[in-house]
Amino acid sequence: MLSNPETILISAEDQKRILSENYAETICIVEECLKKKEAGNVFLPDKISAVFDEATQSRINCMPGALLDDRLYGVKWV
C-alpha cells in the first residue's frame, strides 16, 4: 500500500498546454508506455460506460489503467 498517494487532476486545457510545451517529451513517454504494454507491464482493462440517453449517446466513461512496475495508476473520466 502506498503511504502517501497523490491525486493530480488534469483538465483538457492542461493536456493541450502540456502537449504544446513538451511535444517531444510527450511522444517519448507514450512510446515508453507502449513498450511497457507490449512487455505485459501495463494493466489496461476495458472502459466502463454508462449511457444516459440512447438517442444522443450522452454518457460517462471511466477508463482505468496502471503502469505496474512504476506503481503509477490513473483513470480518465469522459
N, C-alpha and C. Protein backbone atom coordinates (compact mmCIF):
# COMPACT_ATOMS: atom_id res chain seq x y z
N MET A 1 0.85 -1.18 0.00
CA MET A 1 0.00 0.00 0.00
C MET A 1 0.88 1.24 0.00
N LEU A 2 0.47 2.24 -0.74
CA LEU A 2 1.23 3.48 -0.78
C LEU A 2 1.02 4.25 0.52
N SER A 3 2.09 4.81 1.04
CA SER A 3 1.98 5.53 2.30
C SER A 3 1.48 6.96 2.11
N ASN A 4 1.70 7.52 0.92
CA ASN A 4 1.28 8.89 0.68
C ASN A 4 0.87 9.07 -0.77
N PRO A 5 -0.24 8.48 -1.18
CA PRO A 5 -0.64 8.60 -2.58
C PRO A 5 -1.01 10.05 -2.90
N GLU A 6 -0.81 10.43 -4.14
CA GLU A 6 -1.11 11.78 -4.59
C GLU A 6 -2.11 11.71 -5.75
N THR A 7 -3.05 12.62 -5.75
CA THR A 7 -4.01 12.70 -6.84
C THR A 7 -3.77 14.00 -7.60
N ILE A 8 -3.68 13.89 -8.90
CA ILE A 8 -3.49 15.05 -9.75
C ILE A 8 -4.61 15.08 -10.77
N LEU A 9 -5.33 16.18 -10.85
CA LEU A 9 -6.40 16.34 -11.82
C LEU A 9 -5.84 17.16 -12.99
N ILE A 10 -6.04 16.65 -14.20
CA ILE A 10 -5.54 17.33 -15.41
C ILE A 10 -6.74 17.58 -16.33
N SER A 11 -6.99 18.84 -16.61
CA SER A 11 -8.12 19.21 -17.47
C SER A 11 -7.71 19.07 -18.94
N ALA A 12 -8.69 19.18 -19.83
CA ALA A 12 -8.41 19.16 -21.26
C ALA A 12 -7.49 20.32 -21.64
N GLU A 13 -7.70 21.48 -21.03
CA GLU A 13 -6.83 22.63 -21.27
C GLU A 13 -5.40 22.34 -20.82
N ASP A 14 -5.26 21.70 -19.65
CA ASP A 14 -3.93 21.32 -19.17
C ASP A 14 -3.25 20.37 -20.15
N GLN A 15 -4.00 19.41 -20.66
CA GLN A 15 -3.44 18.44 -21.61
C GLN A 15 -2.92 19.14 -22.85
N LYS A 16 -3.69 20.06 -23.39
CA LYS A 16 -3.26 20.80 -24.59
C LYS A 16 -2.00 21.60 -24.32
N ARG A 17 -1.94 22.26 -23.17
CA ARG A 17 -0.77 23.05 -22.82
C ARG A 17 0.46 22.17 -22.64
N ILE A 18 0.30 21.07 -21.92
CA ILE A 18 1.42 20.16 -21.69
C ILE A 18 1.95 19.62 -23.01
N LEU A 19 1.06 19.21 -23.89
CA LEU A 19 1.48 18.68 -25.18
C LEU A 19 2.19 19.75 -26.02
N SER A 20 1.64 20.96 -26.04
CA SER A 20 2.25 22.01 -26.87
C SER A 20 3.60 22.45 -26.34
N GLU A 21 3.78 22.41 -25.02
CA GLU A 21 5.05 22.85 -24.42
C GLU A 21 6.09 21.73 -24.37
N ASN A 22 5.65 20.49 -24.44
CA ASN A 22 6.55 19.35 -24.25
C ASN A 22 6.28 18.25 -25.27
N TYR A 23 6.11 18.60 -26.52
CA TYR A 23 5.68 17.64 -27.53
C TYR A 23 6.65 16.45 -27.64
N ALA A 24 7.94 16.70 -27.80
CA ALA A 24 8.92 15.62 -27.98
C ALA A 24 8.96 14.71 -26.75
N GLU A 25 8.94 15.31 -25.56
CA GLU A 25 8.97 14.52 -24.33
C GLU A 25 7.70 13.68 -24.20
N THR A 26 6.56 14.25 -24.58
CA THR A 26 5.29 13.53 -24.51
C THR A 26 5.33 12.31 -25.43
N ILE A 27 5.84 12.47 -26.64
CA ILE A 27 5.94 11.36 -27.58
C ILE A 27 6.85 10.27 -27.01
N CYS A 28 7.96 10.65 -26.40
CA CYS A 28 8.87 9.67 -25.79
C CYS A 28 8.17 8.90 -24.66
N ILE A 29 7.38 9.59 -23.87
CA ILE A 29 6.66 8.93 -22.77
C ILE A 29 5.64 7.95 -23.32
N VAL A 30 4.91 8.35 -24.35
CA VAL A 30 3.92 7.46 -24.97
C VAL A 30 4.61 6.23 -25.55
N GLU A 31 5.73 6.41 -26.23
CA GLU A 31 6.48 5.28 -26.79
C GLU A 31 6.93 4.33 -25.69
N GLU A 32 7.42 4.87 -24.58
CA GLU A 32 7.87 4.04 -23.45
C GLU A 32 6.69 3.25 -22.86
N CYS A 33 5.54 3.90 -22.75
CA CYS A 33 4.35 3.21 -22.23
C CYS A 33 3.90 2.09 -23.16
N LEU A 34 3.98 2.30 -24.46
CA LEU A 34 3.62 1.25 -25.41
C LEU A 34 4.58 0.06 -25.31
N LYS A 35 5.86 0.33 -25.08
CA LYS A 35 6.84 -0.75 -24.87
C LYS A 35 6.50 -1.53 -23.60
N LYS A 36 6.11 -0.82 -22.55
CA LYS A 36 5.75 -1.47 -21.29
C LYS A 36 4.49 -2.32 -21.48
N LYS A 37 3.55 -1.82 -22.27
CA LYS A 37 2.33 -2.60 -22.55
C LYS A 37 2.67 -3.87 -23.30
N GLU A 38 3.54 -3.77 -24.30
CA GLU A 38 3.95 -4.93 -25.08
C GLU A 38 4.66 -5.96 -24.19
N ALA A 39 5.39 -5.50 -23.19
CA ALA A 39 6.10 -6.39 -22.28
C ALA A 39 5.20 -6.96 -21.18
N GLY A 40 3.94 -6.52 -21.14
CA GLY A 40 3.00 -7.04 -20.16
C GLY A 40 3.04 -6.33 -18.82
N ASN A 41 3.62 -5.13 -18.77
CA ASN A 41 3.75 -4.39 -17.52
C ASN A 41 2.72 -3.29 -17.37
N VAL A 42 1.64 -3.39 -18.14
CA VAL A 42 0.57 -2.40 -18.08
C VAL A 42 -0.76 -3.13 -17.86
N PHE A 43 -1.53 -2.62 -16.93
CA PHE A 43 -2.88 -3.13 -16.69
C PHE A 43 -3.84 -2.13 -17.32
N LEU A 44 -4.56 -2.56 -18.34
CA LEU A 44 -5.45 -1.67 -19.09
C LEU A 44 -6.76 -2.39 -19.37
N PRO A 45 -7.67 -2.39 -18.37
CA PRO A 45 -8.95 -3.08 -18.59
C PRO A 45 -9.85 -2.29 -19.53
N ASP A 46 -10.92 -2.93 -19.96
CA ASP A 46 -11.90 -2.26 -20.81
C ASP A 46 -12.51 -1.08 -20.06
N LYS A 47 -12.90 -0.05 -20.82
CA LYS A 47 -13.55 1.09 -20.20
C LYS A 47 -14.95 0.70 -19.75
N ILE A 48 -15.46 1.44 -18.83
CA ILE A 48 -16.81 1.25 -18.31
C ILE A 48 -17.63 2.45 -18.77
N SER A 49 -18.78 2.19 -19.38
CA SER A 49 -19.63 3.27 -19.89
C SER A 49 -21.01 3.20 -19.27
N ALA A 50 -21.54 4.37 -18.97
CA ALA A 50 -22.92 4.49 -18.53
C ALA A 50 -23.60 5.44 -19.51
N VAL A 51 -24.49 4.91 -20.34
CA VAL A 51 -25.20 5.71 -21.34
C VAL A 51 -26.48 6.22 -20.69
N PHE A 52 -26.65 7.55 -20.71
CA PHE A 52 -27.81 8.17 -20.09
C PHE A 52 -28.94 8.44 -21.07
N ASP A 53 -28.60 8.56 -22.35
CA ASP A 53 -29.61 8.84 -23.37
C ASP A 53 -29.20 8.15 -24.66
N GLU A 54 -29.91 7.10 -25.02
CA GLU A 54 -29.58 6.33 -26.22
C GLU A 54 -29.63 7.18 -27.49
N ALA A 55 -30.59 8.09 -27.56
CA ALA A 55 -30.75 8.90 -28.77
C ALA A 55 -29.57 9.82 -29.01
N THR A 56 -29.06 10.45 -27.96
CA THR A 56 -27.94 11.39 -28.12
C THR A 56 -26.60 10.76 -27.77
N GLN A 57 -26.64 9.55 -27.23
CA GLN A 57 -25.44 8.85 -26.76
C GLN A 57 -24.73 9.62 -25.64
N SER A 58 -25.48 10.40 -24.87
CA SER A 58 -24.91 11.06 -23.69
C SER A 58 -24.45 9.99 -22.72
N ARG A 59 -23.21 10.11 -22.27
CA ARG A 59 -22.65 9.05 -21.43
C ARG A 59 -21.52 9.59 -20.59
N ILE A 60 -21.08 8.76 -19.68
CA ILE A 60 -19.85 8.98 -18.93
C ILE A 60 -19.02 7.71 -19.08
N ASN A 61 -17.74 7.87 -19.34
CA ASN A 61 -16.83 6.73 -19.47
C ASN A 61 -15.77 6.79 -18.38
N CYS A 62 -15.41 5.64 -17.87
CA CYS A 62 -14.32 5.52 -16.91
C CYS A 62 -13.29 4.58 -17.53
N MET A 63 -12.06 5.08 -17.70
CA MET A 63 -11.00 4.29 -18.33
C MET A 63 -9.80 4.20 -17.40
N PRO A 64 -9.72 3.13 -16.57
CA PRO A 64 -8.60 2.98 -15.65
C PRO A 64 -7.39 2.36 -16.33
N GLY A 65 -6.24 2.54 -15.71
CA GLY A 65 -5.03 1.93 -16.23
C GLY A 65 -3.90 2.03 -15.21
N ALA A 66 -2.87 1.21 -15.38
CA ALA A 66 -1.75 1.22 -14.45
C ALA A 66 -0.46 0.83 -15.16
N LEU A 67 0.63 1.52 -14.79
CA LEU A 67 1.97 1.10 -15.15
C LEU A 67 2.46 0.33 -13.93
N LEU A 68 2.38 -0.99 -14.00
CA LEU A 68 2.56 -1.83 -12.83
C LEU A 68 3.92 -1.68 -12.17
N ASP A 69 4.99 -1.77 -12.94
CA ASP A 69 6.34 -1.68 -12.37
C ASP A 69 6.62 -0.32 -11.75
N ASP A 70 5.96 0.71 -12.26
CA ASP A 70 6.16 2.07 -11.76
C ASP A 70 5.23 2.42 -10.60
N ARG A 71 4.28 1.51 -10.34
CA ARG A 71 3.28 1.77 -9.30
C ARG A 71 2.56 3.09 -9.55
N LEU A 72 2.21 3.30 -10.82
CA LEU A 72 1.52 4.51 -11.25
C LEU A 72 0.15 4.11 -11.76
N TYR A 73 -0.88 4.68 -11.18
CA TYR A 73 -2.24 4.30 -11.51
C TYR A 73 -3.03 5.55 -11.88
N GLY A 74 -3.93 5.40 -12.85
CA GLY A 74 -4.72 6.55 -13.25
C GLY A 74 -6.07 6.14 -13.80
N VAL A 75 -6.89 7.14 -13.97
CA VAL A 75 -8.21 6.93 -14.54
C VAL A 75 -8.56 8.17 -15.37
N LYS A 76 -9.15 7.92 -16.51
CA LYS A 76 -9.61 9.00 -17.38
C LYS A 76 -11.13 8.97 -17.34
N TRP A 77 -11.71 10.10 -16.99
CA TRP A 77 -13.17 10.25 -16.99
C TRP A 77 -13.57 11.09 -18.18
N VAL A 78 -14.53 10.61 -18.94
CA VAL A 78 -15.04 11.35 -20.09
C VAL A 78 -16.53 11.50 -19.94
